[in-house]
Amino acid sequence: MAKFKLVISDPKAGTSKSITIEGTQAQNLVGQKIGDIIDGSIIGIKDVSLVVTGGSDRDGFSMRSDVHGGTKIPVLLTGGVGFNSKRKGERRRKSVRGNTITEFITQINMKISDKSEKSV
């Protein structure tokens, strides 16, 4: 059974909140991709739309939006998520997760895209 730690940030207020979900609420998120808009009522938050912005698996490998699927694969990176260059022009092969949420993901990062009076 899937269990996720959700980190939901509110860009307008500059705050974030951490929620742990499991069971049927967590199963609703399996198969979603980075950039997908999710209704907050699926995870128990009403009147909010959430956008999936990233995440990481249990070993700390981050999700990248340009790698398709949910597997962990080595990719040649020049910058961005999962790679910090030591010098200018450096490229390195690093292992990263794909953009699809699977049961191997432990943390999912989201941001509030549309909300009414009630907030997280």
PDB file of N, CA and C in Angstrom:
ATOM      1  N   MET A   1       0.846  -1.174   0.000  1.00  0.00           N
ATOM      2  CA  MET A   1       0.000   0.000   0.000  1.00  0.00           C
ATOM      3  C   MET A   1       0.889   1.234   0.000  1.00  0.00           C
ATOM      4  N   ALA A   2       0.533   2.213  -0.778  1.00  0.00           N
ATOM      5  CA  ALA A   2       1.331   3.430  -0.919  1.00  0.00           C
ATOM      6  C   ALA A   2       1.153   4.349   0.293  1.00  0.00           C
ATOM      7  N   LYS A   3       2.238   5.022   0.640  1.00  0.00           N
ATOM      8  CA  LYS A   3       2.221   6.002   1.726  1.00  0.00           C
ATOM      9  C   LYS A   3       3.104   7.165   1.274  1.00  0.00           C
ATOM     10  N   PHE A   4       2.542   8.379   1.287  1.00  0.00           N
ATOM     11  CA  PHE A   4       3.256   9.550   0.805  1.00  0.00           C
ATOM     12  C   PHE A   4       3.307  10.634   1.866  1.00  0.00           C
ATOM     13  N   LYS A   5       4.409  11.395   1.839  1.00  0.00           N
ATOM     14  CA  LYS A   5       4.512  12.619   2.618  1.00  0.00           C
ATOM     15  C   LYS A   5       4.332  13.753   1.617  1.00  0.00           C
ATOM     16  N   LEU A   6       3.283  14.532   1.779  1.00  0.00           N
ATOM     17  CA  LEU A   6       2.997  15.646   0.882  1.00  0.00           C
ATOM     18  C   LEU A   6       3.519  16.932   1.499  1.00  0.00           C
ATOM     19  N   VAL A   7       4.264  17.702   0.720  1.00  0.00           N
ATOM     20  CA  VAL A   7       4.711  19.024   1.135  1.00  0.00           C
ATOM     21  C   VAL A   7       3.969  20.007   0.247  1.00  0.00           C
ATOM     22  N   ILE A   8       3.006  20.700   0.831  1.00  0.00           N
ATOM     23  CA  ILE A   8       2.134  21.609   0.085  1.00  0.00           C
ATOM     24  C   ILE A   8       2.550  23.036   0.412  1.00  0.00           C
ATOM     25  N   SER A   9       2.941  23.777  -0.621  1.00  0.00           N
ATOM     26  CA  SER A   9       3.375  25.160  -0.404  1.00  0.00           C
ATOM     27  C   SER A   9       2.340  26.132  -0.948  1.00  0.00           C
ATOM     28  N   ASP A  10       2.254  27.270  -0.283  1.00  0.00           N
ATOM     29  CA  ASP A  10       1.370  28.346  -0.693  1.00  0.00           C
ATOM     30  C   ASP A  10       2.245  29.508  -1.144  1.00  0.00           C
ATOM     31  N   PRO A  11       2.380  29.732  -2.467  1.00  0.00           N
ATOM     32  CA  PRO A  11       3.280  30.777  -2.945  1.00  0.00           C
ATOM     33  C   PRO A  11       2.873  32.187  -2.531  1.00  0.00           C
ATOM     34  N   LYS A  12       1.582  32.432  -2.362  1.00  0.00           N
ATOM     35  CA  LYS A  12       1.131  33.777  -1.984  1.00  0.00           C
ATOM     36  C   LYS A  12       1.517  34.117  -0.556  1.00  0.00           C
ATOM     37  N   ALA A  13       1.356  33.160   0.352  1.00  0.00           N
ATOM     38  CA  ALA A  13       1.671  33.399   1.755  1.00  0.00           C
ATOM     39  C   ALA A  13       3.129  33.097   2.082  1.00  0.00           C
ATOM     40  N   GLY A  14       3.814  32.320   1.230  1.00  0.00           N
ATOM     41  CA  GLY A  14       5.196  31.960   1.488  1.00  0.00           C
ATOM     42  C   GLY A  14       5.359  30.902   2.553  1.00  0.00           C
ATOM     43  N   THR A  15       4.333  30.062   2.752  1.00  0.00           N
ATOM     44  CA  THR A  15       4.385  29.026   3.771  1.00  0.00           C
ATOM     45  C   THR A  15       4.248  27.650   3.124  1.00  0.00           C
ATOM     46  N   SER A  16       4.559  26.631   3.898  1.00  0.00           N
ATOM     47  CA  SER A  16       4.359  25.258   3.443  1.00  0.00           C
ATOM     48  C   SER A  16       3.894  24.409   4.610  1.00  0.00           C
ATOM     49  N   LYS A  17       3.238  23.305   4.271  1.00  0.00           N
ATOM     50  CA  LYS A  17       2.693  22.406   5.279  1.00  0.00           C
ATOM     51  C   LYS A  17       2.955  20.983   4.844  1.00  0.00           C
ATOM     52  N   SER A  18       3.267  20.123   5.795  1.00  0.00           N
ATOM     53  CA  SER A  18       3.553  18.727   5.511  1.00  0.00           C
ATOM     54  C   SER A  18       2.394  17.853   5.990  1.00  0.00           C
ATOM     55  N   ILE A  19       1.933  16.955   5.119  1.00  0.00           N
ATOM     56  CA  ILE A  19       0.831  16.039   5.433  1.00  0.00           C
ATOM     57  C   ILE A  19       1.255  14.636   5.023  1.00  0.00           C
ATOM     58  N   THR A  20       0.950  13.641   5.844  1.00  0.00           N
ATOM     59  CA  THR A  20       1.195  12.253   5.491  1.00  0.00           C
ATOM     60  C   THR A  20      -0.134  11.594   5.151  1.00  0.00           C
ATOM     61  N   ILE A  21      -0.182  10.934   3.990  1.00  0.00           N
ATOM     62  CA  ILE A  21      -1.403  10.231   3.582  1.00  0.00           C
ATOM     63  C   ILE A  21      -1.054   8.792   3.226  1.00  0.00           C
ATOM     64  N   GLU A  22      -2.030   7.918   3.368  1.00  0.00           N
ATOM     65  CA  GLU A  22      -1.859   6.513   2.986  1.00  0.00           C
ATOM     66  C   GLU A  22      -3.221   5.927   2.662  1.00  0.00           C
ATOM     67  N   GLY A  23      -3.235   4.729   2.152  1.00  0.00           N
ATOM     68  CA  GLY A  23      -4.488   4.054   1.811  1.00  0.00           C
ATOM     69  C   GLY A  23      -5.062   4.548   0.503  1.00  0.00           C
ATOM     70  N   THR A  24      -6.388   4.729   0.486  1.00  0.00           N
ATOM     71  CA  THR A  24      -7.060   5.114  -0.750  1.00  0.00           C
ATOM     72  C   THR A  24      -6.714   6.530  -1.184  1.00  0.00           C
ATOM     73  N   GLN A  25      -6.432   7.436  -0.244  1.00  0.00           N
ATOM     74  CA  GLN A  25      -6.021   8.787  -0.612  1.00  0.00           C
ATOM     75  C   GLN A  25      -4.698   8.752  -1.375  1.00  0.00           C
ATOM     76  N   ALA A  26      -3.776   7.908  -0.929  1.00  0.00           N
ATOM     77  CA  ALA A  26      -2.478   7.798  -1.595  1.00  0.00           C
ATOM     78  C   ALA A  26      -2.620   7.112  -2.952  1.00  0.00           C
ATOM     79  N   GLN A  27      -3.491   6.151  -3.064  1.00  0.00           N
ATOM     80  CA  GLN A  27      -3.694   5.453  -4.343  1.00  0.00           C
ATOM     81  C   GLN A  27      -4.231   6.393  -5.413  1.00  0.00           C
ATOM     82  N   ASN A  28      -4.959   7.434  -5.025  1.00  0.00           N
ATOM     83  CA  ASN A  28      -5.470   8.397  -5.995  1.00  0.00           C
ATOM     84  C   ASN A  28      -4.352   9.190  -6.671  1.00  0.00           C
ATOM     85  N   LEU A  29      -3.192   9.290  -6.029  1.00  0.00           N
ATOM     86  CA  LEU A  29      -2.082  10.057  -6.593  1.00  0.00           C
ATOM     87  C   LEU A  29      -1.168   9.223  -7.483  1.00  0.00           C
ATOM     88  N   VAL A  30      -1.211   7.898  -7.359  1.00  0.00           N
ATOM     89  CA  VAL A  30      -0.360   7.034  -8.181  1.00  0.00           C
ATOM     90  C   VAL A  30      -0.769   7.178  -9.641  1.00  0.00           C
ATOM     91  N   GLY A  31       0.202   7.432 -10.492  1.00  0.00           N
ATOM     92  CA  GLY A  31      -0.050   7.623 -11.911  1.00  0.00           C
ATOM     93  C   GLY A  31      -0.091   9.076 -12.340  1.00  0.00           C
ATOM     94  N   GLN A  32      -0.141  10.006 -11.386  1.00  0.00           N
ATOM     95  CA  GLN A  32      -0.119  11.436 -11.716  1.00  0.00           C
ATOM     96  C   GLN A  32       1.305  11.822 -12.115  1.00  0.00           C
ATOM     97  N   LYS A  33       1.435  12.885 -12.891  1.00  0.00           N
ATOM     98  CA  LYS A  33       2.743  13.338 -13.362  1.00  0.00           C
ATOM     99  C   LYS A  33       3.041  14.742 -12.854  1.00  0.00           C
ATOM    100  N   ILE A  34       4.295  15.139 -12.955  1.00  0.00           N
ATOM    101  CA  ILE A  34       4.691  16.494 -12.593  1.00  0.00           C
ATOM    102  C   ILE A  34       3.989  17.460 -13.537  1.00  0.00           C
ATOM    103  N   GLY A  35       3.345  18.465 -12.966  1.00  0.00           N
ATOM    104  CA  GLY A  35       2.608  19.449 -13.747  1.00  0.00           C
ATOM    105  C   GLY A  35       1.114  19.204 -13.786  1.00  0.00           C
ATOM    106  N   ASP A  36       0.659  18.021 -13.344  1.00  0.00           N
ATOM    107  CA  ASP A  36      -0.772  17.725 -13.317  1.00  0.00           C
ATOM    108  C   ASP A  36      -1.458  18.529 -12.220  1.00  0.00           C
ATOM    109  N   ILE A  37      -2.682  18.969 -12.517  1.00  0.00           N
ATOM    110  CA  ILE A  37      -3.485  19.696 -11.539  1.00  0.00           C
ATOM    111  C   ILE A  37      -4.433  18.711 -10.871  1.00  0.00           C
ATOM    112  N   ILE A  38      -4.423  18.691  -9.549  1.00  0.00           N
ATOM    113  CA  ILE A  38      -5.203  17.742  -8.755  1.00  0.00           C
ATOM    114  C   ILE A  38      -6.175  18.514  -7.885  1.00  0.00           C
ATOM    115  N   ASP A  39      -7.392  18.017  -7.781  1.00  0.00           N
ATOM    116  CA  ASP A  39      -8.368  18.618  -6.874  1.00  0.00           C
ATOM    117  C   ASP A  39      -7.987  18.246  -5.450  1.00  0.00           C
ATOM    118  N   GLY A  40      -7.987  19.209  -4.549  1.00  0.00           N
ATOM    119  CA  GLY A  40      -7.569  18.979  -3.175  1.00  0.00           C
ATOM    120  C   GLY A  40      -8.488  18.070  -2.384  1.00  0.00           C
ATOM    121  N   SER A  41      -9.746  17.904  -2.834  1.00  0.00           N
ATOM    122  CA  SER A  41     -10.672  17.037  -2.119  1.00  0.00           C
ATOM    123  C   SER A  41     -10.254  15.570  -2.199  1.00  0.00           C
ATOM    124  N   ILE A  42      -9.426  15.217  -3.158  1.00  0.00           N
ATOM    125  CA  ILE A  42      -8.933  13.834  -3.272  1.00  0.00           C
ATOM    126  C   ILE A  42      -8.100  13.461  -2.057  1.00  0.00           C
ATOM    127  N   ILE A  43      -7.346  14.426  -1.532  1.00  0.00           N
ATOM    128  CA  ILE A  43      -6.486  14.146  -0.383  1.00  0.00           C
ATOM    129  C   ILE A  43      -7.020  14.740   0.907  1.00  0.00           C
ATOM    130  N   GLY A  44      -8.235  15.289   0.867  1.00  0.00           N
ATOM    131  CA  GLY A  44      -8.875  15.764   2.085  1.00  0.00           C
ATOM    132  C   GLY A  44      -8.800  17.254   2.325  1.00  0.00           C
ATOM    133  N   ILE A  45      -8.404  18.038   1.334  1.00  0.00           N
ATOM    134  CA  ILE A  45      -8.355  19.490   1.460  1.00  0.00           C
ATOM    135  C   ILE A  45      -9.387  20.063   0.499  1.00  0.00           C
ATOM    136  N   LYS A  46     -10.352  20.788   1.028  1.00  0.00           N
ATOM    137  CA  LYS A  46     -11.445  21.281   0.187  1.00  0.00           C
ATOM    138  C   LYS A  46     -11.132  22.649  -0.403  1.00  0.00           C
ATOM    139  N   ASP A  47     -11.759  22.958  -1.539  1.00  0.00           N
ATOM    140  CA  ASP A  47     -11.694  24.263  -2.207  1.00  0.00           C
ATOM    141  C   ASP A  47     -10.291  24.657  -2.634  1.00  0.00           C
ATOM    142  N   VAL A  48      -9.446  23.689  -2.985  1.00  0.00           N
ATOM    143  CA  VAL A  48      -8.078  23.988  -3.376  1.00  0.00           C
ATOM    144  C   VAL A  48      -7.706  23.138  -4.593  1.00  0.00           C
ATOM    145  N   SER A  49      -7.008  23.731  -5.543  1.00  0.00           N
ATOM    146  CA  SER A  49      -6.412  22.994  -6.648  1.00  0.00           C
ATOM    147  C   SER A  49      -4.907  22.950  -6.413  1.00  0.00           C
ATOM    148  N   LEU A  50      -4.311  21.781  -6.591  1.00  0.00           N
ATOM    149  CA  LEU A  50      -2.893  21.591  -6.333  1.00  0.00           C
ATOM    150  C   LEU A  50      -2.170  21.195  -7.613  1.00  0.00           C
ATOM    151  N   VAL A  51      -0.954  21.667  -7.777  1.00  0.00           N
ATOM    152  CA  VAL A  51      -0.116  21.306  -8.908  1.00  0.00           C
ATOM    153  C   VAL A  51       1.065  20.500  -8.380  1.00  0.00           C
ATOM    154  N   VAL A  52       1.324  19.335  -8.974  1.00  0.00           N
ATOM    155  CA  VAL A  52       2.469  18.510  -8.594  1.00  0.00           C
ATOM    156  C   VAL A  52       3.724  19.161  -9.168  1.00  0.00           C
ATOM    157  N   THR A  53       4.694  19.484  -8.296  1.00  0.00           N
ATOM    158  CA  THR A  53       5.908  20.159  -8.746  1.00  0.00           C
ATOM    159  C   THR A  53       7.144  19.283  -8.666  1.00  0.00           C
ATOM    160  N   GLY A  54       7.074  18.140  -8.002  1.00  0.00           N
ATOM    161  CA  GLY A  54       8.239  17.265  -7.908  1.00  0.00           C
ATOM    162  C   GLY A  54       8.099  16.286  -6.781  1.00  0.00           C
ATOM    163  N   GLY A  55       9.228  15.698  -6.403  1.00  0.00           N
ATOM    164  CA  GLY A  55       9.236  14.731  -5.312  1.00  0.00           C
ATOM    165  C   GLY A  55      10.542  13.966  -5.281  1.00  0.00           C
ATOM    166  N   SER A  56      10.606  12.969  -4.404  1.00  0.00           N
ATOM    167  CA  SER A  56      11.790  12.120  -4.308  1.00  0.00           C
ATOM    168  C   SER A  56      11.390  10.746  -3.811  1.00  0.00           C
ATOM    169  N   ASP A  57      12.266   9.761  -4.074  1.00  0.00           N
ATOM    170  CA  ASP A  57      11.974   8.400  -3.646  1.00  0.00           C
ATOM    171  C   ASP A  57      12.611   8.126  -2.285  1.00  0.00           C
ATOM    172  N   ARG A  58      12.521   6.899  -1.832  1.00  0.00           N
ATOM    173  CA  ARG A  58      12.990   6.565  -0.481  1.00  0.00           C
ATOM    174  C   ARG A  58      14.509   6.650  -0.353  1.00  0.00           C
ATOM    175  N   ASP A  59      15.239   6.591  -1.486  1.00  0.00           N
ATOM    176  CA  ASP A  59      16.688   6.688  -1.453  1.00  0.00           C
ATOM    177  C   ASP A  59      17.188   8.115  -1.679  1.00  0.00           C
ATOM    178  N   GLY A  60      16.274   9.066  -1.896  1.00  0.00           N
ATOM    179  CA  GLY A  60      16.651  10.453  -2.069  1.00  0.00           C
ATOM    180  C   GLY A  60      16.833  10.890  -3.504  1.00  0.00           C
ATOM    181  N   PHE A  61      16.559  10.021  -4.471  1.00  0.00           N
ATOM    182  CA  PHE A  61      16.672  10.407  -5.873  1.00  0.00           C
ATOM    183  C   PHE A  61      15.472  11.275  -6.249  1.00  0.00           C
ATOM    184  N   SER A  62      15.752  12.414  -6.854  1.00  0.00           N
ATOM    185  CA  SER A  62      14.687  13.364  -7.148  1.00  0.00           C
ATOM    186  C   SER A  62      13.991  13.032  -8.461  1.00  0.00           C
ATOM    187  N   MET A  63      12.747  13.529  -8.575  1.00  0.00           N
ATOM    188  CA  MET A  63      11.969  13.372  -9.799  1.00  0.00           C
ATOM    189  C   MET A  63      12.313  14.516 -10.748  1.00  0.00           C
ATOM    190  N   ARG A  64      12.389  14.210 -12.042  1.00  0.00           N
ATOM    191  CA  ARG A  64      12.635  15.233 -13.061  1.00  0.00           C
ATOM    192  C   ARG A  64      11.482  15.231 -14.042  1.00  0.00           C
ATOM    193  N   SER A  65      11.070  16.418 -14.442  1.00  0.00           N
ATOM    194  CA  SER A  65       9.920  16.535 -15.336  1.00  0.00           C
ATOM    195  C   SER A  65      10.230  16.126 -16.768  1.00  0.00           C
ATOM    196  N   ASP A  66      11.501  16.134 -17.168  1.00  0.00           N
ATOM    197  CA  ASP A  66      11.850  15.783 -18.542  1.00  0.00           C
ATOM    198  C   ASP A  66      12.216  14.312 -18.725  1.00  0.00           C
ATOM    199  N   VAL A  67      12.141  13.495 -17.672  1.00  0.00           N
ATOM    200  CA  VAL A  67      12.384  12.058 -17.764  1.00  0.00           C
ATOM    201  C   VAL A  67      11.035  11.362 -17.648  1.00  0.00           C
ATOM    202  N   HIS A  68      10.633  10.646 -18.691  1.00  0.00           N
ATOM    203  CA  HIS A  68       9.312  10.040 -18.722  1.00  0.00           C
ATOM    204  C   HIS A  68       9.281   8.706 -17.977  1.00  0.00           C
ATOM    205  N   GLY A  69       8.122   8.398 -17.398  1.00  0.00           N
ATOM    206  CA  GLY A  69       7.935   7.158 -16.660  1.00  0.00           C
ATOM    207  C   GLY A  69       8.183   7.333 -15.187  1.00  0.00           C
ATOM    208  N   GLY A  70       8.200   6.223 -14.464  1.00  0.00           N
ATOM    209  CA  GLY A  70       8.375   6.280 -13.025  1.00  0.00           C
ATOM    210  C   GLY A  70       9.601   5.535 -12.548  1.00  0.00           C
ATOM    211  N   THR A  71      10.471   5.125 -13.462  1.00  0.00           N
ATOM    212  CA  THR A  71      11.638   4.349 -13.087  1.00  0.00           C
ATOM    213  C   THR A  71      12.827   5.239 -12.760  1.00  0.00           C
ATOM    214  N   LYS A  72      13.838   4.632 -12.150  1.00  0.00           N
ATOM    215  CA  LYS A  72      15.074   5.337 -11.837  1.00  0.00           C
ATOM    216  C   LYS A  72      16.081   4.994 -12.931  1.00  0.00           C
ATOM    217  N   ILE A  73      16.556   6.005 -13.640  1.00  0.00           N
ATOM    218  CA  ILE A  73      17.502   5.766 -14.720  1.00  0.00           C
ATOM    219  C   ILE A  73      18.626   6.785 -14.666  1.00  0.00           C
ATOM    220  N   PRO A  74      19.841   6.400 -15.144  1.00  0.00           N
ATOM    221  CA  PRO A  74      20.929   7.375 -15.223  1.00  0.00           C
ATOM    222  C   PRO A  74      20.776   8.243 -16.469  1.00  0.00           C
ATOM    223  N   VAL A  75      20.915   9.563 -16.283  1.00  0.00           N
ATOM    224  CA  VAL A  75      20.740  10.537 -17.355  1.00  0.00           C
ATOM    225  C   VAL A  75      21.941  11.474 -17.348  1.00  0.00           C
ATOM    226  N   LEU A  76      22.396  11.880 -18.537  1.00  0.00           N
ATOM    227  CA  LEU A  76      23.473  12.854 -18.642  1.00  0.00           C
ATOM    228  C   LEU A  76      22.899  14.247 -18.393  1.00  0.00           C
ATOM    229  N   LEU A  77      23.329  14.894 -17.297  1.00  0.00           N
ATOM    230  CA  LEU A  77      22.777  16.175 -16.880  1.00  0.00           C
ATOM    231  C   LEU A  77      23.812  17.284 -16.997  1.00  0.00           C
ATOM    232  N   THR A  78      23.328  18.482 -17.343  1.00  0.00           N
ATOM    233  CA  THR A  78      24.173  19.665 -17.351  1.00  0.00           C
ATOM    234  C   THR A  78      23.733  20.674 -16.293  1.00  0.00           C
ATOM    235  N   GLY A  79      22.538  20.490 -15.722  1.00  0.00           N
ATOM    236  CA  GLY A  79      22.032  21.388 -14.698  1.00  0.00           C
ATOM    237  C   GLY A  79      20.618  21.017 -14.336  1.00  0.00           C
ATOM    238  N   GLY A  80      20.026  21.778 -13.435  1.00  0.00           N
ATOM    239  CA  GLY A  80      18.644  21.542 -13.051  1.00  0.00           C
ATOM    240  C   GLY A  80      18.516  20.665 -11.830  1.00  0.00           C
ATOM    241  N   VAL A  81      17.353  20.046 -11.704  1.00  0.00           N
ATOM    242  CA  VAL A  81      17.025  19.234 -10.539  1.00  0.00           C
ATOM    243  C   VAL A  81      17.911  17.984 -10.504  1.00  0.00           C
ATOM    244  N   GLY A  82      18.532  17.718  -9.362  1.00  0.00           N
ATOM    245  CA  GLY A  82      19.331  16.520  -9.175  1.00  0.00           C
ATOM    246  C   GLY A  82      20.791  16.668  -9.535  1.00  0.00           C
ATOM    247  N   PHE A  83      21.237  17.879  -9.905  1.00  0.00           N
ATOM    248  CA  PHE A  83      22.636  18.057 -10.299  1.00  0.00           C
ATOM    249  C   PHE A  83      23.119  19.450  -9.931  1.00  0.00           C
ATOM    250  N   ASN A  84      24.222  19.511  -9.210  1.00  0.00           N
ATOM    251  CA  ASN A  84      24.884  20.776  -8.881  1.00  0.00           C
ATOM    252  C   ASN A  84      26.275  20.733  -9.499  1.00  0.00           C
ATOM    253  N   SER A  85      26.533  21.571 -10.490  1.00  0.00           N
ATOM    254  CA  SER A  85      27.824  21.537 -11.182  1.00  0.00           C
ATOM    255  C   SER A  85      28.913  22.161 -10.311  1.00  0.00           C
ATOM    256  N   LYS A  86      30.098  21.621 -10.430  1.00  0.00           N
ATOM    257  CA  LYS A  86      31.252  22.132  -9.695  1.00  0.00           C
ATOM    258  C   LYS A  86      31.987  23.189 -10.498  1.00  0.00           C
ATOM    259  N   ARG A  87      31.922  23.079 -11.837  1.00  0.00           N
ATOM    260  CA  ARG A  87      32.596  24.048 -12.693  1.00  0.00           C
ATOM    261  C   ARG A  87      31.757  24.327 -13.932  1.00  0.00           C
ATOM    262  N   LYS A  88      32.084  25.365 -14.647  1.00  0.00           N
ATOM    263  CA  LYS A  88      31.317  25.794 -15.812  1.00  0.00           C
ATOM    264  C   LYS A  88      31.435  24.758 -16.942  1.00  0.00           C
ATOM    265  N   GLY A  89      30.285  24.408 -17.536  1.00  0.00           N
ATOM    266  CA  GLY A  89      30.272  23.479 -18.660  1.00  0.00           C
ATOM    267  C   GLY A  89      30.317  22.017 -18.278  1.00  0.00           C
ATOM    268  N   GLU A  90      30.252  21.705 -16.997  1.00  0.00           N
ATOM    269  CA  GLU A  90      30.360  20.313 -16.546  1.00  0.00           C
ATOM    270  C   GLU A  90      29.093  19.531 -16.880  1.00  0.00           C
ATOM    271  N   ARG A  91      29.286  18.294 -17.325  1.00  0.00           N
ATOM    272  CA  ARG A  91      28.182  17.350 -17.533  1.00  0.00           C
ATOM    273  C   ARG A  91      28.508  16.083 -16.757  1.00  0.00           C
ATOM    274  N   ARG A  92      27.483  15.468 -16.211  1.00  0.00           N
ATOM    275  CA  ARG A  92      27.708  14.262 -15.418  1.00  0.00           C
ATOM    276  C   ARG A  92      26.498  13.350 -15.530  1.00  0.00           C
ATOM    277  N   ARG A  93      26.738  12.056 -15.494  1.00  0.00           N
ATOM    278  CA  ARG A  93      25.653  11.087 -15.522  1.00  0.00           C
ATOM    279  C   ARG A  93      25.190  10.838 -14.089  1.00  0.00           C
ATOM    280  N   LYS A  94      23.917  11.151 -13.825  1.00  0.00           N
ATOM    281  CA  LYS A  94      23.340  10.996 -12.494  1.00  0.00           C
ATOM    282  C   LYS A  94      22.050  10.191 -12.601  1.00  0.00           C
ATOM    283  N   SER A  95      21.735   9.440 -11.566  1.00  0.00           N
ATOM    284  CA  SER A  95      20.476   8.691 -11.528  1.00  0.00           C
ATOM    285  C   SER A  95      19.370   9.581 -10.983  1.00  0.00           C
ATOM    286  N   VAL A  96      18.245   9.598 -11.683  1.00  0.00           N
ATOM    287  CA  VAL A  96      17.076  10.369 -11.266  1.00  0.00           C
ATOM    288  C   VAL A  96      15.829   9.534 -11.513  1.00  0.00           C
ATOM    289  N   ARG A  97      14.728   9.933 -10.880  1.00  0.00           N
ATOM    290  CA  ARG A  97      13.427   9.301 -11.089  1.00  0.00           C
ATOM    291  C   ARG A  97      12.685  10.005 -12.209  1.00  0.00           C
ATOM    292  N   GLY A  98      11.764   9.300 -12.834  1.00  0.00           N
ATOM    293  CA  GLY A  98      10.941   9.883 -13.882  1.00  0.00           C
ATOM    294  C   GLY A  98       9.874  10.801 -13.317  1.00  0.00           C
ATOM    295  N   ASN A  99       9.006  11.316 -14.195  1.00  0.00           N
ATOM    296  CA  ASN A  99       8.029  12.322 -13.799  1.00  0.00           C
ATOM    297  C   ASN A  99       6.701  11.747 -13.319  1.00  0.00           C
ATOM    298  N   THR A 100       6.559  10.433 -13.237  1.00  0.00           N
ATOM    299  CA  THR A 100       5.311   9.796 -12.832  1.00  0.00           C
ATOM    300  C   THR A 100       5.402   9.313 -11.387  1.00  0.00           C
ATOM    301  N   ILE A 101       4.351   9.553 -10.621  1.00  0.00           N
ATOM    302  CA  ILE A 101       4.298   9.114  -9.221  1.00  0.00           C
ATOM    303  C   ILE A 101       4.003   7.619  -9.181  1.00  0.00           C
ATOM    304  N   THR A 102       4.873   6.869  -8.515  1.00  0.00           N
ATOM    305  CA  THR A 102       4.693   5.430  -8.324  1.00  0.00           C
ATOM    306  C   THR A 102       4.714   5.129  -6.828  1.00  0.00           C
ATOM    307  N   GLU A 103       4.612   3.855  -6.482  1.00  0.00           N
ATOM    308  CA  GLU A 103       4.634   3.483  -5.070  1.00  0.00           C
ATOM    309  C   GLU A 103       6.027   3.595  -4.458  1.00  0.00           C
ATOM    310  N   PHE A 104       7.078   3.818  -5.284  1.00  0.00           N
ATOM    311  CA  PHE A 104       8.434   3.985  -4.772  1.00  0.00           C
ATOM    312  C   PHE A 104       8.715   5.417  -4.317  1.00  0.00           C
ATOM    313  N   ILE A 105       7.870   6.348  -4.686  1.00  0.00           N
ATOM    314  CA  ILE A 105       8.029   7.743  -4.284  1.00  0.00           C
ATOM    315  C   ILE A 105       7.576   7.886  -2.828  1.00  0.00           C
ATOM    316  N   THR A 106       8.344   8.637  -2.030  1.00  0.00           N
ATOM    317  CA  THR A 106       7.957   8.840  -0.633  1.00  0.00           C
ATOM    318  C   THR A 106       7.519  10.271  -0.354  1.00  0.00           C
ATOM    319  N   GLN A 107       8.109  11.238  -1.057  1.00  0.00           N
ATOM    320  CA  GLN A 107       7.752  12.640  -0.839  1.00  0.00           C
ATOM    321  C   GLN A 107       7.259  13.236  -2.139  1.00  0.00           C
ATOM    322  N   ILE A 108       6.127  13.942  -2.072  1.00  0.00           N
ATOM    323  CA  ILE A 108       5.566  14.623  -3.230  1.00  0.00           C
ATOM    324  C   ILE A 108       5.453  16.099  -2.888  1.00  0.00           C
ATOM    325  N   ASN A 109       6.028  16.940  -3.738  1.00  0.00           N
ATOM    326  CA  ASN A 109       5.964  18.386  -3.550  1.00  0.00           C
ATOM    327  C   ASN A 109       4.831  18.935  -4.397  1.00  0.00           C
ATOM    328  N   MET A 110       3.998  19.787  -3.804  1.00  0.00           N
ATOM    329  CA  MET A 110       2.868  20.392  -4.497  1.00  0.00           C
ATOM    330  C   MET A 110       2.786  21.860  -4.136  1.00  0.00           C
ATOM    331  N   LYS A 111       2.112  22.635  -5.011  1.00  0.00           N
ATOM    332  CA  LYS A 111       1.840  24.028  -4.671  1.00  0.00           C
ATOM    333  C   LYS A 111       0.378  24.327  -4.963  1.00  0.00           C
ATOM    334  N   ILE A 112      -0.159  25.276  -4.218  1.00  0.00           N
ATOM    335  CA  ILE A 112      -1.554  25.674  -4.383  1.00  0.00           C
ATOM    336  C   ILE A 112      -1.637  26.591  -5.593  1.00  0.00           C
ATOM    337  N   SER A 113      -2.509  26.213  -6.557  1.00  0.00           N
ATOM    338  CA  SER A 113      -2.633  27.045  -7.744  1.00  0.00           C
ATOM    339  C   SER A 113      -3.889  27.899  -7.712  1.00  0.00           C
ATOM    340  N   ASP A 114      -4.930  27.433  -7.035  1.00  0.00           N
ATOM    341  CA  ASP A 114      -6.179  28.183  -6.976  1.00  0.00           C
ATOM    342  C   ASP A 114      -6.830  27.857  -5.658  1.00  0.00           C
ATOM    343  N   LYS A 115      -7.214  28.877  -4.906  1.00  0.00           N
ATOM    344  CA  LYS A 115      -7.871  28.607  -3.639  1.00  0.00           C
ATOM    345  C   LYS A 115      -8.937  29.641  -3.379  1.00  0.00           C
ATOM    346  N   SER A 116      -9.903  29.262  -2.572  1.00  0.00           N
ATOM    347  CA  SER A 116     -10.957  30.205  -2.169  1.00  0.00           C
ATOM    348  C   SER A 116     -10.650  30.708  -0.771  1.00  0.00           C
ATOM    349  N   GLU A 117     -11.666  30.970   0.043  1.00  0.00           N
ATOM    350  CA  GLU A 117     -11.442  31.555   1.365  1.00  0.00           C
ATOM    351  C   GLU A 117     -10.679  30.626   2.296  1.00  0.00           C
ATOM    352  N   LYS A 118     -10.935  29.317   2.180  1.00  0.00           N
ATOM    353  CA  LYS A 118     -10.279  28.368   3.073  1.00  0.00           C
ATOM    354  C   LYS A 118      -8.907  28.035   2.530  1.00  0.00           C
ATOM    355  N   SER A 119      -7.929  27.967   3.422  1.00  0.00           N
ATOM    356  CA  SER A 119      -6.568  27.661   3.030  1.00  0.00           C
ATOM    357  C   SER A 119      -6.092  26.420   3.760  1.00  0.00           C
ATOM    358  N   VAL A 120      -4.916  25.942   3.403  1.00  0.00           N
ATOM    359  CA  VAL A 120      -4.349  24.719   4.001  1.00  0.00           C
ATOM    360  C   VAL A 120      -3.960  24.971   5.425  1.00  0.00           C
TER     361      VAL A 120
END
